[in-house]
Amino acid sequence: MTSNNPAVFLLMVNGQIEAADGLEEGISQITSKGRGSQSLVWNFPLDITFKSTNPFGWPQIVVSVYGPDTFGNDVVRGYGAIHIPFTPGKHTKTIPMFVPESTSRLQKFTSWLMGRCPEFTDPKVVAQGEGREVTRVRSQGFVTLQFNIVTKDMKKLGYETTSEHSAATGLTRTSQKL
């Protein structure tokens, strides 16, 4: 049964986490650098469908990369997040990655010795950014994502999804006639 006045819209994401530059290694999907290459190639598939009535606080893709340290312990190699665009079509996005750091040299040495580097326990910290201004981090490379966006019923709910409207999200709310 189809409806002319939908209550929700759908947004489908299909693509892949392609590669990382500047990161040492990762364990989500195992890969290693080729000779003379600075990139790690994953081609890790993404296939997500979202259903919503309102795009406020829209979902993000949060990436966490882990790899072994000198002692073989899995430690964080980078965190990053990106908002999912609303504009239908093919998108290539680069996520800047960062790693939390110890606040003193003593903490840095102790964490290295114990194999317990600073890391976030909740991925919401990466996605929201609230409170991160007091967290010491350093840049740690980039992760490239490539994906296709398909939308359904956004126009019927009054949302224009063309790239000429909003540079940040590609989304503009139009007035609806009742």
N, C-alpha and C. Protein backbone atom coordinates (compact mmCIF):
# COMPACT_ATOMS: atom_id res chain seq x y z
N MET A 1 0.84 -1.17 0.00
CA MET A 1 0.00 0.00 0.00
C MET A 1 0.89 1.24 0.00
N THR A 2 0.75 2.11 -0.99
CA THR A 2 1.54 3.33 -1.07
C THR A 2 0.69 4.51 -0.66
N SER A 3 1.35 5.54 -0.18
CA SER A 3 0.64 6.73 0.29
C SER A 3 1.16 7.95 -0.47
N ASN A 4 0.26 8.88 -0.79
CA ASN A 4 0.67 10.12 -1.45
C ASN A 4 1.27 11.10 -0.46
N ASN A 5 0.96 10.95 0.83
CA ASN A 5 1.49 11.81 1.88
C ASN A 5 2.33 10.97 2.84
N PRO A 6 3.60 10.74 2.50
CA PRO A 6 4.42 9.89 3.36
C PRO A 6 4.71 10.57 4.70
N ALA A 7 4.89 9.77 5.74
CA ALA A 7 5.21 10.29 7.07
C ALA A 7 6.72 10.33 7.30
N VAL A 8 7.47 9.59 6.49
CA VAL A 8 8.92 9.51 6.65
C VAL A 8 9.59 9.60 5.28
N PHE A 9 10.88 9.90 5.31
CA PHE A 9 11.68 9.81 4.09
C PHE A 9 12.76 8.76 4.30
N LEU A 10 13.29 8.25 3.20
CA LEU A 10 14.36 7.26 3.25
C LEU A 10 15.61 7.84 2.61
N LEU A 11 16.76 7.49 3.15
CA LEU A 11 18.04 7.85 2.59
C LEU A 11 18.90 6.60 2.60
N MET A 12 19.36 6.18 1.44
CA MET A 12 20.16 4.96 1.32
C MET A 12 21.59 5.32 0.94
N VAL A 13 22.53 4.71 1.64
CA VAL A 13 23.96 4.92 1.41
C VAL A 13 24.55 3.58 0.99
N ASN A 14 25.26 3.58 -0.14
CA ASN A 14 25.90 2.38 -0.62
C ASN A 14 27.27 2.77 -1.14
N GLY A 15 28.31 2.18 -0.59
CA GLY A 15 29.66 2.53 -1.04
C GLY A 15 30.71 1.76 -0.30
N GLN A 16 31.85 2.44 -0.04
CA GLN A 16 32.95 1.76 0.62
C GLN A 16 33.89 2.74 1.30
N ILE A 17 34.54 2.24 2.36
CA ILE A 17 35.68 2.94 2.94
C ILE A 17 36.86 2.48 2.10
N GLU A 18 37.38 3.38 1.30
CA GLU A 18 38.39 2.99 0.30
C GLU A 18 39.78 2.79 0.88
N ALA A 19 40.33 3.85 1.45
CA ALA A 19 41.75 3.79 1.82
C ALA A 19 42.05 4.81 2.90
N ALA A 20 43.26 4.67 3.48
CA ALA A 20 43.74 5.61 4.48
C ALA A 20 45.14 6.05 4.10
N ASP A 21 45.42 7.32 4.33
CA ASP A 21 46.75 7.87 4.10
C ASP A 21 47.30 8.38 5.43
N GLY A 22 48.54 8.00 5.74
CA GLY A 22 49.19 8.51 6.95
C GLY A 22 48.98 7.64 8.16
N LEU A 23 48.07 6.69 8.12
CA LEU A 23 47.88 5.79 9.25
C LEU A 23 48.85 4.63 9.10
N GLU A 24 49.26 4.08 10.22
CA GLU A 24 50.23 2.99 10.18
C GLU A 24 49.59 1.67 9.74
N GLU A 25 48.55 1.23 10.43
CA GLU A 25 47.87 0.00 10.08
C GLU A 25 46.54 -0.07 10.81
N GLY A 26 45.69 -1.01 10.41
CA GLY A 26 44.38 -1.15 11.03
C GLY A 26 43.98 -2.59 11.15
N ILE A 27 43.01 -2.90 12.06
CA ILE A 27 42.63 -4.29 12.26
C ILE A 27 41.19 -4.61 11.89
N SER A 28 40.35 -3.60 11.56
CA SER A 28 38.97 -3.86 11.19
C SER A 28 38.91 -4.76 9.98
N GLN A 29 39.68 -4.43 9.04
CA GLN A 29 39.87 -5.24 7.85
C GLN A 29 41.37 -5.18 7.61
N ILE A 30 42.02 -6.27 7.64
CA ILE A 30 43.48 -6.28 7.64
C ILE A 30 44.02 -5.90 6.26
N THR A 31 45.02 -5.01 6.30
CA THR A 31 45.69 -4.58 5.09
C THR A 31 47.10 -4.16 5.45
N SER A 32 47.94 -4.03 4.46
CA SER A 32 49.29 -3.51 4.70
C SER A 32 49.67 -2.64 3.51
N LYS A 33 50.63 -1.77 3.74
CA LYS A 33 51.08 -0.86 2.69
C LYS A 33 51.91 -1.61 1.66
N GLY A 34 51.72 -1.21 0.40
CA GLY A 34 52.54 -1.78 -0.67
C GLY A 34 53.88 -1.07 -0.72
N ARG A 35 54.79 -1.58 -1.54
CA ARG A 35 56.10 -0.95 -1.67
C ARG A 35 55.96 0.46 -2.20
N GLY A 36 56.58 1.40 -1.50
CA GLY A 36 56.57 2.78 -1.94
C GLY A 36 55.23 3.48 -1.80
N SER A 37 54.26 2.84 -1.16
CA SER A 37 52.93 3.43 -1.01
C SER A 37 52.71 3.92 0.41
N GLN A 38 52.03 5.03 0.55
CA GLN A 38 51.67 5.56 1.86
C GLN A 38 50.23 5.21 2.21
N SER A 39 49.52 4.55 1.31
CA SER A 39 48.10 4.27 1.50
C SER A 39 47.85 2.84 1.96
N LEU A 40 46.82 2.71 2.80
CA LEU A 40 46.26 1.41 3.16
C LEU A 40 44.96 1.28 2.40
N VAL A 41 44.77 0.24 1.62
CA VAL A 41 43.55 0.08 0.84
C VAL A 41 42.67 -0.97 1.50
N TRP A 42 41.43 -0.56 1.86
CA TRP A 42 40.50 -1.47 2.51
C TRP A 42 39.37 -1.91 1.57
N ASN A 43 38.74 -0.96 0.89
CA ASN A 43 37.53 -1.21 0.11
C ASN A 43 36.48 -1.93 0.96
N PHE A 44 36.31 -1.43 2.19
CA PHE A 44 35.37 -1.99 3.16
C PHE A 44 33.96 -1.53 2.80
N PRO A 45 33.03 -2.46 2.53
CA PRO A 45 31.70 -2.06 2.01
C PRO A 45 30.82 -1.37 3.05
N LEU A 46 30.02 -0.42 2.57
CA LEU A 46 29.00 0.27 3.37
C LEU A 46 27.65 0.07 2.69
N ASP A 47 26.64 -0.25 3.46
CA ASP A 47 25.29 -0.37 2.93
C ASP A 47 24.33 -0.05 4.08
N ILE A 48 23.81 1.18 4.10
CA ILE A 48 23.00 1.67 5.22
C ILE A 48 21.74 2.32 4.66
N THR A 49 20.61 2.12 5.32
CA THR A 49 19.38 2.81 4.98
C THR A 49 18.85 3.48 6.23
N PHE A 50 18.53 4.78 6.12
CA PHE A 50 17.98 5.55 7.23
C PHE A 50 16.54 5.92 6.92
N LYS A 51 15.70 5.91 7.95
CA LYS A 51 14.31 6.32 7.84
C LYS A 51 14.08 7.39 8.90
N SER A 52 13.54 8.54 8.49
CA SER A 52 13.37 9.64 9.43
C SER A 52 12.24 10.57 8.99
N THR A 53 11.83 11.42 9.90
CA THR A 53 10.86 12.46 9.59
C THR A 53 11.51 13.83 9.55
N ASN A 54 12.72 13.93 10.12
CA ASN A 54 13.40 15.21 10.25
C ASN A 54 14.91 14.99 10.15
N PRO A 55 15.61 15.77 9.34
CA PRO A 55 17.05 15.58 9.19
C PRO A 55 17.89 16.23 10.28
N PHE A 56 17.27 16.86 11.29
CA PHE A 56 18.03 17.52 12.36
C PHE A 56 18.89 16.49 13.10
N GLY A 57 20.15 16.82 13.34
CA GLY A 57 21.06 15.91 14.02
C GLY A 57 21.34 14.66 13.21
N TRP A 58 21.42 14.83 11.91
CA TRP A 58 21.54 13.72 10.98
C TRP A 58 22.71 12.81 11.32
N PRO A 59 22.55 11.52 11.04
CA PRO A 59 23.61 10.55 11.37
C PRO A 59 24.94 10.85 10.68
N GLN A 60 25.95 10.32 11.31
CA GLN A 60 27.31 10.45 10.80
C GLN A 60 27.91 9.05 10.66
N ILE A 61 28.92 8.96 9.85
CA ILE A 61 29.72 7.75 9.80
C ILE A 61 30.94 8.02 10.68
N VAL A 62 31.11 7.20 11.71
CA VAL A 62 32.23 7.32 12.63
C VAL A 62 33.20 6.18 12.34
N VAL A 63 34.47 6.52 12.13
CA VAL A 63 35.49 5.53 11.81
C VAL A 63 36.50 5.49 12.95
N SER A 64 36.79 4.29 13.43
CA SER A 64 37.83 4.05 14.43
C SER A 64 38.82 3.06 13.84
N VAL A 65 40.09 3.42 13.84
CA VAL A 65 41.13 2.54 13.29
C VAL A 65 42.05 2.13 14.42
N TYR A 66 42.27 0.82 14.55
CA TYR A 66 43.16 0.28 15.57
C TYR A 66 44.26 -0.52 14.90
N GLY A 67 45.37 -0.63 15.57
CA GLY A 67 46.48 -1.42 15.06
C GLY A 67 47.41 -1.79 16.20
N PRO A 68 48.30 -2.74 15.98
CA PRO A 68 49.21 -3.18 17.05
C PRO A 68 50.34 -2.18 17.31
N ASP A 69 50.71 -2.08 18.60
CA ASP A 69 51.87 -1.26 18.94
C ASP A 69 53.12 -2.14 18.91
N THR A 70 54.23 -1.65 19.42
CA THR A 70 55.48 -2.40 19.39
C THR A 70 55.41 -3.72 20.16
N PHE A 71 54.53 -3.77 21.16
CA PHE A 71 54.41 -4.98 21.97
C PHE A 71 53.29 -5.90 21.51
N GLY A 72 52.62 -5.56 20.40
CA GLY A 72 51.54 -6.39 19.87
C GLY A 72 50.17 -6.09 20.45
N ASN A 73 50.07 -5.05 21.30
CA ASN A 73 48.76 -4.65 21.85
C ASN A 73 48.01 -3.81 20.82
N ASP A 74 46.70 -4.04 20.71
CA ASP A 74 45.88 -3.23 19.80
C ASP A 74 45.64 -1.87 20.42
N VAL A 75 46.06 -0.82 19.74
CA VAL A 75 45.90 0.56 20.21
C VAL A 75 45.24 1.39 19.12
N VAL A 76 44.65 2.50 19.50
CA VAL A 76 43.96 3.36 18.55
C VAL A 76 44.98 4.02 17.62
N ARG A 77 44.68 4.01 16.33
CA ARG A 77 45.51 4.67 15.32
C ARG A 77 44.83 5.91 14.77
N GLY A 78 43.52 6.04 15.00
CA GLY A 78 42.83 7.24 14.56
C GLY A 78 41.32 7.15 14.70
N TYR A 79 40.70 8.30 14.95
CA TYR A 79 39.25 8.46 14.99
C TYR A 79 38.87 9.55 14.00
N GLY A 80 37.68 9.44 13.44
CA GLY A 80 37.17 10.48 12.57
C GLY A 80 35.68 10.28 12.32
N ALA A 81 35.00 11.34 11.89
CA ALA A 81 33.57 11.27 11.62
C ALA A 81 33.23 12.23 10.49
N ILE A 82 32.14 11.90 9.79
CA ILE A 82 31.66 12.75 8.71
C ILE A 82 30.14 12.66 8.66
N HIS A 83 29.48 13.80 8.40
CA HIS A 83 28.03 13.80 8.23
C HIS A 83 27.68 13.19 6.88
N ILE A 84 26.59 12.46 6.85
CA ILE A 84 26.12 11.87 5.60
C ILE A 84 25.39 12.95 4.80
N PRO A 85 25.80 13.21 3.56
CA PRO A 85 25.13 14.24 2.77
C PRO A 85 23.73 13.80 2.32
N PHE A 86 22.86 14.78 2.06
CA PHE A 86 21.49 14.51 1.60
C PHE A 86 21.37 14.52 0.09
N THR A 87 22.35 15.04 -0.58
CA THR A 87 22.28 15.19 -2.02
C THR A 87 22.44 13.85 -2.72
N PRO A 88 21.46 13.44 -3.53
CA PRO A 88 21.59 12.17 -4.24
C PRO A 88 22.77 12.20 -5.21
N GLY A 89 23.37 11.05 -5.43
CA GLY A 89 24.47 10.95 -6.37
C GLY A 89 25.70 10.36 -5.72
N LYS A 90 26.80 10.42 -6.46
CA LYS A 90 28.07 9.84 -6.02
C LYS A 90 28.85 10.89 -5.23
N HIS A 91 29.41 10.48 -4.09
CA HIS A 91 30.17 11.36 -3.23
C HIS A 91 31.50 10.70 -2.86
N THR A 92 32.56 11.50 -2.82
CA THR A 92 33.84 11.07 -2.28
C THR A 92 34.18 12.04 -1.17
N LYS A 93 34.37 11.52 0.04
CA LYS A 93 34.65 12.35 1.21
C LYS A 93 35.95 11.89 1.85
N THR A 94 36.70 12.84 2.39
CA THR A 94 37.93 12.55 3.10
C THR A 94 37.73 12.92 4.57
N ILE A 95 37.95 11.96 5.44
CA ILE A 95 37.78 12.18 6.88
C ILE A 95 39.15 12.41 7.51
N PRO A 96 39.37 13.59 8.11
CA PRO A 96 40.62 13.79 8.85
C PRO A 96 40.58 12.96 10.14
N MET A 97 41.62 12.22 10.40
CA MET A 97 41.68 11.35 11.57
C MET A 97 42.52 12.02 12.66
N PHE A 98 42.19 11.69 13.91
CA PHE A 98 42.95 12.23 15.04
C PHE A 98 43.07 11.16 16.11
N VAL A 99 44.06 11.34 16.98
CA VAL A 99 44.34 10.40 18.07
C VAL A 99 44.45 11.19 19.36
N PRO A 100 43.77 10.75 20.45
CA PRO A 100 43.95 11.42 21.75
C PRO A 100 45.37 11.22 22.26
N GLU A 101 45.88 12.22 22.95
CA GLU A 101 47.23 12.14 23.49
C GLU A 101 47.23 12.32 25.00
N SER A 102 48.25 11.77 25.63
CA SER A 102 48.44 11.98 27.06
C SER A 102 48.76 13.44 27.31
N THR A 103 48.41 13.93 28.50
CA THR A 103 48.62 15.35 28.79
C THR A 103 50.01 15.66 29.32
N SER A 104 50.76 14.66 29.77
CA SER A 104 52.11 14.92 30.26
C SER A 104 53.07 13.86 29.72
N ARG A 105 54.36 14.15 29.81
CA ARG A 105 55.37 13.20 29.35
C ARG A 105 55.37 11.93 30.21
N LEU A 106 55.11 12.10 31.50
CA LEU A 106 55.06 10.95 32.39
C LEU A 106 53.91 10.03 32.01
N GLN A 107 52.72 10.61 31.75
CA GLN A 107 51.57 9.81 31.33
C GLN A 107 51.85 9.13 29.98
N LYS A 108 52.50 9.85 29.09
CA LYS A 108 52.82 9.29 27.78
C LYS A 108 53.76 8.08 27.91
N PHE A 109 54.79 8.21 28.75
CA PHE A 109 55.72 7.11 28.96
C PHE A 109 55.03 5.93 29.65
N THR A 110 54.22 6.21 30.68
CA THR A 110 53.52 5.16 31.40
C THR A 110 52.55 4.42 30.49
N SER A 111 51.81 5.14 29.67
CA SER A 111 50.87 4.48 28.76
C SER A 111 51.60 3.65 27.71
N TRP A 112 52.76 4.12 27.23
CA TRP A 112 53.55 3.33 26.29
C TRP A 112 54.06 2.06 26.96
N LEU A 113 54.58 2.19 28.18
CA LEU A 113 55.13 1.06 28.91
C LEU A 113 54.06 0.02 29.24
N MET A 114 52.87 0.46 29.62
CA MET A 114 51.79 -0.45 30.00
C MET A 114 50.99 -0.93 28.78
N GLY A 115 51.20 -0.32 27.63
CA GLY A 115 50.45 -0.70 26.44
C GLY A 115 49.01 -0.22 26.48
N ARG A 116 48.73 0.84 27.22
CA ARG A 116 47.37 1.39 27.37
C ARG A 116 47.39 2.86 26.95
N CYS A 117 47.32 3.10 25.66
CA CYS A 117 47.30 4.46 25.14
C CYS A 117 45.93 5.08 25.36
N PRO A 118 45.85 6.42 25.44
CA PRO A 118 44.55 7.08 25.61
C PRO A 118 43.62 6.75 24.45
N GLU A 119 42.35 6.46 24.76
CA GLU A 119 41.35 6.21 23.74
C GLU A 119 39.97 6.56 24.28
N PHE A 120 39.03 6.80 23.37
CA PHE A 120 37.66 7.08 23.77
C PHE A 120 36.92 5.77 23.97
N THR A 121 36.13 5.70 25.04
CA THR A 121 35.35 4.48 25.28
C THR A 121 33.97 4.57 24.66
N ASP A 122 33.54 5.77 24.32
CA ASP A 122 32.22 5.98 23.73
C ASP A 122 32.37 6.65 22.37
N PRO A 123 31.90 6.02 21.27
CA PRO A 123 32.04 6.63 19.94
C PRO A 123 31.26 7.93 19.79
N LYS A 124 30.31 8.20 20.69
CA LYS A 124 29.56 9.45 20.63
C LYS A 124 30.48 10.66 20.82
N VAL A 125 31.58 10.48 21.53
CA VAL A 125 32.54 11.57 21.74
C VAL A 125 33.08 12.04 20.40
N VAL A 126 33.34 11.11 19.50
CA VAL A 126 33.87 11.45 18.18
C VAL A 126 32.79 12.12 17.34
N ALA A 127 31.56 11.61 17.40
CA ALA A 127 30.47 12.12 16.57
C ALA A 127 29.98 13.49 17.04
N GLN A 128 29.85 13.69 18.34
CA GLN A 128 29.27 14.93 18.83
C GLN A 128 30.27 16.07 18.94
N GLY A 129 31.47 15.76 19.34
CA GLY A 129 32.47 16.81 19.48
C GLY A 129 32.33 17.60 20.76
N GLU A 130 31.24 17.40 21.51
CA GLU A 130 31.03 18.14 22.75
C GLU A 130 32.05 17.71 23.79
N GLY A 131 32.78 18.67 24.35
CA GLY A 131 33.79 18.36 25.34
C GLY A 131 35.15 18.04 24.74
N ARG A 132 35.22 17.93 23.41
CA ARG A 132 36.50 17.59 22.79
C ARG A 132 37.47 18.75 22.78
N GLU A 133 36.97 19.97 23.00
CA GLU A 133 37.87 21.13 22.98
C GLU A 133 38.88 21.09 24.13
N VAL A 134 38.62 20.29 25.16
CA VAL A 134 39.56 20.17 26.27
C VAL A 134 40.37 18.89 26.18
N THR A 135 40.19 18.13 25.11
CA THR A 135 40.93 16.89 24.92
C THR A 135 42.12 17.16 24.00
N ARG A 136 43.29 16.73 24.42
CA ARG A 136 44.48 16.92 23.60
C ARG A 136 44.53 15.81 22.54
N VAL A 137 44.60 16.21 21.27
CA VAL A 137 44.66 15.25 20.17
C VAL A 137 45.72 15.69 19.17
N ARG A 138 46.12 14.77 18.32
CA ARG A 138 47.01 15.12 17.22
C ARG A 138 46.46 14.51 15.93
N SER A 139 46.70 15.17 14.83
CA SER A 139 46.23 14.68 13.53
C SER A 139 46.97 13.41 13.17
N GLN A 140 46.25 12.48 12.54
CA GLN A 140 46.84 11.18 12.23
C GLN A 140 46.31 10.68 10.89
N GLY A 141 46.54 11.40 9.82
CA GLY A 141 46.19 10.92 8.50
C GLY A 141 44.74 11.16 8.10
N PHE A 142 44.32 10.47 7.03
CA PHE A 142 43.01 10.65 6.45
C PHE A 142 42.44 9.32 6.00
N VAL A 143 41.12 9.20 6.01
CA VAL A 143 40.43 8.03 5.48
C VAL A 143 39.51 8.52 4.37
N THR A 144 39.50 7.84 3.22
CA THR A 144 38.67 8.23 2.08
C THR A 144 37.48 7.29 1.96
N LEU A 145 36.30 7.89 1.85
CA LEU A 145 35.06 7.14 1.64
C LEU A 145 34.50 7.51 0.29
N GLN A 146 33.92 6.54 -0.39
CA GLN A 146 33.21 6.80 -1.63
C GLN A 146 31.87 6.10 -1.52
N PHE A 147 30.78 6.85 -1.78
CA PHE A 147 29.46 6.24 -1.66
C PHE A 147 28.45 6.94 -2.54
N ASN A 148 27.34 6.23 -2.78
CA ASN A 148 26.22 6.76 -3.54
C ASN A 148 25.07 6.99 -2.59
N ILE A 149 24.34 8.08 -2.82
CA ILE A 149 23.18 8.42 -2.01
C ILE A 149 21.93 8.34 -2.88
N VAL A 150 20.92 7.66 -2.37
CA VAL A 150 19.61 7.60 -3.01
C VAL A 150 18.58 8.01 -1.96
N THR A 151 17.66 8.91 -2.34
CA THR A 151 16.63 9.37 -1.40
C THR A 151 15.26 9.01 -1.94
N LYS A 152 14.30 8.95 -1.00
CA LYS A 152 12.91 8.68 -1.37
C LYS A 152 12.00 9.51 -0.47
N ASP A 153 11.05 10.19 -1.08
CA ASP A 153 10.01 10.97 -0.41
C ASP A 153 10.50 12.22 0.31
N MET A 154 11.72 12.66 0.08
CA MET A 154 12.18 13.90 0.73
C MET A 154 11.45 15.11 0.15
N LYS A 155 11.26 15.13 -1.16
CA LYS A 155 10.57 16.25 -1.79
C LYS A 155 9.12 16.31 -1.33
N LYS A 156 8.49 15.14 -1.14
CA LYS A 156 7.10 15.10 -0.68
C LYS A 156 6.95 15.65 0.73
N LEU A 157 8.05 15.59 1.52
CA LEU A 157 8.03 16.15 2.87
C LEU A 157 8.53 17.59 2.90
N GLY A 158 8.81 18.14 1.73
CA GLY A 158 9.18 19.55 1.65
C GLY A 158 10.66 19.83 1.66
N TYR A 159 11.50 18.84 1.42
CA TYR A 159 12.94 19.04 1.41
C TYR A 159 13.47 19.01 -0.01
N GLU A 160 14.21 20.06 -0.39
CA GLU A 160 14.90 20.10 -1.67
C GLU A 160 16.30 19.56 -1.45
N THR A 161 16.73 18.63 -2.27
CA THR A 161 18.04 17.99 -2.05
C THR A 161 18.97 18.20 -3.23
N THR A 162 19.05 19.40 -3.72
CA THR A 162 19.98 19.68 -4.81
C THR A 162 21.21 20.36 -4.25
N SER A 163 22.33 20.21 -4.92
CA SER A 163 23.59 20.74 -4.42
C SER A 163 23.68 22.26 -4.50
N GLU A 164 22.77 22.91 -5.20
CA GLU A 164 22.85 24.37 -5.34
C GLU A 164 22.28 25.12 -4.14
N HIS A 165 21.63 24.42 -3.19
CA HIS A 165 21.03 25.10 -2.04
C HIS A 165 22.02 25.29 -0.90
N SER A 166 22.24 24.32 -0.11
CA SER A 166 23.11 24.44 1.05
C SER A 166 24.42 23.72 0.78
N ALA A 167 25.52 24.43 0.88
CA ALA A 167 26.81 23.82 0.62
C ALA A 167 27.16 22.76 1.66
N ALA A 168 26.71 22.95 2.89
CA ALA A 168 27.06 22.00 3.97
C ALA A 168 26.33 20.67 3.82
N THR A 169 25.01 20.68 3.59
CA THR A 169 24.26 19.44 3.57
C THR A 169 23.56 19.19 2.25
N GLY A 170 23.44 20.21 1.40
CA GLY A 170 22.70 20.05 0.16
C GLY A 170 21.20 19.98 0.43
N LEU A 171 20.74 20.57 1.53
CA LEU A 171 19.36 20.42 1.96
C LEU A 171 18.73 21.78 2.24
N THR A 172 17.54 22.01 1.70
CA THR A 172 16.77 23.20 1.97
C THR A 172 15.34 22.79 2.24
N ARG A 173 14.75 23.35 3.26
CA ARG A 173 13.34 23.06 3.57
C ARG A 173 12.48 24.05 2.79
N THR A 174 11.53 23.55 2.03
CA THR A 174 10.61 24.42 1.31
C THR A 174 9.28 24.43 2.03
N SER A 175 8.51 25.47 1.83
CA SER A 175 7.20 25.55 2.49
C SER A 175 6.24 24.58 1.81
N GLN A 176 5.44 23.96 2.63
CA GLN A 176 4.45 23.01 2.11
C GLN A 176 3.08 23.64 2.14
N LYS A 177 2.31 23.39 1.10
CA LYS A 177 0.93 23.84 1.06
C LYS A 177 0.06 22.72 1.59
N LEU A 178 -0.79 23.06 2.54
CA LEU A 178 -1.68 22.04 3.11
C LEU A 178 -3.02 22.06 2.43
